[in-house]
C-alpha atoms as a PDB file:
ATOM      1  CA  MET A   1       0.000   0.000   0.000  1.00  0.00           C
ATOM      2  CA  THR A   2       1.321   3.452  -0.872  1.00  0.00           C
ATOM      3  CA  ASP A   3       1.416   6.415   1.453  1.00  0.00           C
ATOM      4  CA  PRO A   4      -1.303   9.037   0.965  1.00  0.00           C
ATOM      5  CA  ALA A   5      -0.238  11.937  -1.261  1.00  0.00           C
ATOM      6  CA  ILE A   6      -1.702  14.488   1.168  1.00  0.00           C
ATOM      7  CA  THR A   7      -0.117  15.284   4.514  1.00  0.00           C
ATOM      8  CA  LEU A   8      -1.963  17.449   7.041  1.00  0.00           C
ATOM      9  CA  TYR A   9       0.041  19.133   9.790  1.00  0.00           C
ATOM     10  CA  ARG A  10      -2.332  19.775  12.658  1.00  0.00           C
ATOM     11  CA  LEU A  11      -2.958  20.180  16.363  1.00  0.00           C
ATOM     12  CA  GLN A  12      -5.256  18.016  18.455  1.00  0.00           C
ATOM     13  CA  ALA A  13      -8.692  19.655  18.916  1.00  0.00           C
ATOM     14  CA  CYS A  14      -7.827  22.657  16.715  1.00  0.00           C
ATOM     15  CA  PRO A  15     -11.098  23.899  15.125  1.00  0.00           C
ATOM     16  CA  PHE A  16      -9.277  25.209  12.040  1.00  0.00           C
ATOM     17  CA  CYS A  17      -7.566  21.840  11.565  1.00  0.00           C
ATOM     18  CA  GLU A  18     -10.869  20.008  12.048  1.00  0.00           C
ATOM     19  CA  ARG A  19     -12.410  22.137   9.293  1.00  0.00           C
ATOM     20  CA  VAL A  20      -9.759  20.810   6.892  1.00  0.00           C
ATOM     21  CA  VAL A  21     -10.230  17.230   8.169  1.00  0.00           C
ATOM     22  CA  ARG A  22     -13.977  17.449   7.469  1.00  0.00           C
ATOM     23  CA  THR A  23     -13.279  18.606   3.913  1.00  0.00           C
ATOM     24  CA  LEU A  24     -10.749  15.823   3.312  1.00  0.00           C
ATOM     25  CA  GLN A  25     -13.296  13.303   4.578  1.00  0.00           C
ATOM     26  CA  GLU A  26     -16.100  14.866   2.533  1.00  0.00           C
ATOM     27  CA  TYR A  27     -14.085  14.272  -0.657  1.00  0.00           C
ATOM     28  CA  ASP A  28     -13.015  10.793   0.483  1.00  0.00           C
ATOM     29  CA  LEU A  29      -9.340  11.738   0.277  1.00  0.00           C
ATOM     30  CA  ASP A  30      -6.649   9.613   1.884  1.00  0.00           C
ATOM     31  CA  TYR A  31      -4.308  11.722   3.976  1.00  0.00           C
ATOM     32  CA  HIS A  32      -1.660  11.392   6.632  1.00  0.00           C
ATOM     33  CA  SER A  33      -2.032  13.422   9.826  1.00  0.00           C
ATOM     34  CA  ARG A  34       1.105  14.770  11.451  1.00  0.00           C
ATOM     35  CA  PHE A  35       0.344  16.164  14.869  1.00  0.00           C
ATOM     36  CA  VAL A  36       2.686  19.011  15.761  1.00  0.00           C
ATOM     37  CA  GLU A  37       4.012  20.458  18.992  1.00  0.00           C
ATOM     38  CA  PRO A  38       1.487  22.589  20.883  1.00  0.00           C
ATOM     39  CA  LEU A  39       4.192  25.196  21.567  1.00  0.00           C
ATOM     40  CA  HIS A  40       4.328  27.515  18.569  1.00  0.00           C
ATOM     41  CA  SER A  41       8.105  28.008  18.886  1.00  0.00           C
ATOM     42  CA  ARG A  42       8.749  24.228  18.660  1.00  0.00           C
ATOM     43  CA  ARG A  43       6.918  23.524  15.388  1.00  0.00           C
ATOM     44  CA  ASP A  44      10.074  23.071  13.350  1.00  0.00           C
ATOM     45  CA  ALA A  45       8.623  20.330  11.077  1.00  0.00           C
ATOM     46  CA  VAL A  46       5.886  22.689   9.885  1.00  0.00           C
ATOM     47  CA  LYS A  47       8.358  25.549   9.488  1.00  0.00           C
ATOM     48  CA  ARG A  48      10.585  23.359   7.273  1.00  0.00           C
ATOM     49  CA  GLU A  49       7.645  22.320   5.051  1.00  0.00           C
ATOM     50  CA  ALA A  50       5.666  25.545   4.719  1.00  0.00           C
ATOM     51  CA  GLY A  51       7.839  28.348   6.034  1.00  0.00           C
ATOM     52  CA  VAL A  52       5.336  29.049   8.824  1.00  0.00           C
ATOM     53  CA  ARG A  53       4.685  27.627  12.277  1.00  0.00           C
ATOM     54  CA  THR A  54       0.902  27.954  12.109  1.00  0.00           C
ATOM     55  CA  VAL A  55      -1.466  25.061  11.480  1.00  0.00           C
ATOM     56  CA  PRO A  56      -3.215  23.653   9.575  1.00  0.00           C
ATOM     57  CA  VAL A  57      -0.772  23.097   6.731  1.00  0.00           C
ATOM     58  CA  VAL A  58      -1.443  20.777   3.800  1.00  0.00           C
ATOM     59  CA  VAL A  59       1.230  19.282   1.570  1.00  0.00           C
ATOM     60  CA  ASP A  60      -0.217  17.696  -1.572  1.00  0.00           C
ATOM     61  CA  GLU A  61       2.440  15.688  -3.402  1.00  0.00           C
ATOM     62  CA  ARG A  62       0.035  15.047  -6.295  1.00  0.00           C
ATOM     63  CA  THR A  63      -0.014  18.716  -7.281  1.00  0.00           C
ATOM     64  CA  GLY A  64       3.115  20.051  -5.553  1.00  0.00           C
ATOM     65  CA  VAL A  65       1.028  22.430  -3.438  1.00  0.00           C
ATOM     66  CA  THR A  66       1.987  23.364   0.129  1.00  0.00           C
ATOM     67  CA  MET A  67      -0.267  25.840   1.892  1.00  0.00           C
ATOM     68  CA  ALA A  68      -1.397  27.116   5.274  1.00  0.00           C
ATOM     69  CA  GLU A  69      -4.643  28.686   6.547  1.00  0.00           C
ATOM     70  CA  SER A  70      -7.815  26.644   6.743  1.00  0.00           C
ATOM     71  CA  ALA A  71     -10.015  28.753   4.435  1.00  0.00           C
ATOM     72  CA  ARG A  72      -7.373  28.691   1.672  1.00  0.00           C
ATOM     73  CA  ILE A  73      -6.850  24.939   2.117  1.00  0.00           C
ATOM     74  CA  VAL A  74     -10.596  24.212   1.958  1.00  0.00           C
ATOM     75  CA  SER A  75     -10.928  26.349  -1.202  1.00  0.00           C
ATOM     76  CA  TYR A  76      -7.977  24.515  -2.750  1.00  0.00           C
ATOM     77  CA  LEU A  77      -9.413  21.078  -1.886  1.00  0.00           C
ATOM     78  CA  GLU A  78     -12.823  22.049  -3.306  1.00  0.00           C
ATOM     79  CA  ALA A  79     -11.296  23.378  -6.545  1.00  0.00           C
ATOM     80  CA  THR A  80      -8.960  20.416  -6.943  1.00  0.00           C
ATOM     81  CA  TYR A  81     -10.916  17.422  -5.627  1.00  0.00           C
ATOM     82  CA  GLY A  82     -14.513  18.638  -5.385  1.00  0.00           C
ATOM     83  CA  GLU A  83     -17.207  18.047  -7.975  1.00  0.00           C
ATOM     84  CA  GLY A  84     -15.822  19.236 -11.283  1.00  0.00           C
ATOM     85  CA  GLY A  85     -12.347  19.701  -9.798  1.00  0.00           C
ATOM     86  CA  GLU A  86      -9.284  18.914 -11.858  1.00  0.00           C
ATOM     87  CA  LEU A  87      -8.491  15.754  -9.838  1.00  0.00           C
ATOM     88  CA  ALA A  88     -11.997  14.979  -8.589  1.00  0.00           C
ATOM     89  CA  THR A  89     -11.798  11.186  -8.892  1.00  0.00           C
ATOM     90  CA  GLU A  90      -8.066  10.551  -8.406  1.00  0.00           C
ATOM     91  CA  GLY A  91      -7.946  11.048  -4.637  1.00  0.00           C
ATOM     92  CA  ALA A  92     -11.046   9.057  -3.783  1.00  0.00           C
ATOM     93  CA  THR A  93     -10.790   5.504  -2.586  1.00  0.00           C
ATOM     94  CA  GLU A  94     -13.444   2.884  -3.056  1.00  0.00           C
ATOM     95  CA  SER A  95     -14.909   1.463   0.126  1.00  0.00           C
ATOM     96  CA  PRO A  96     -15.376  -2.333   0.430  1.00  0.00           C
ATOM     97  CA  ALA A  97     -19.177  -1.859   0.287  1.00  0.00           C
ATOM     98  CA  ASP A  98     -18.843  -0.274  -3.161  1.00  0.00           C
ATOM     99  CA  GLN A  99     -16.776  -3.102  -4.622  1.00  0.00           C
ATOM    100  CA  ALA A 100     -18.383  -5.878  -6.656  1.00  0.00           C
ATOM    101  CA  PRO A 101     -17.957  -9.366  -5.187  1.00  0.00           C
ATOM    102  CA  ALA A 102     -15.299 -11.506  -6.816  1.00  0.00           C
ATOM    103  CA  GLY A 103     -16.699 -13.990  -9.304  1.00  0.00           C
ATOM    104  CA  GLY A 104     -20.041 -12.141  -9.499  1.00  0.00           C
ATOM    105  CA  SER A 105     -23.434 -13.783  -9.256  1.00  0.00           C
END
């Protein structure tokens, strides 16, 4: 199994981060959560990726986009993976309930 192309840098119980999580889930996108240090001054991993220490930050390897700020991230996800988006079906995964049984009947 391959790693998800989207990485979300976030804090536990952060409402701005949860807004992005809801959007990722709405579009059925696989993503990897990286929880960061609560202390702003110790968020070096986020600083290295995005040049900022604020969260949320999304890194999308599929498109090469790295961005911060929940409203911008949600707009990006909608435009890229939402209905009519340029990659609308690429990020979605099929759930077992949607798969046809092997051998058919």
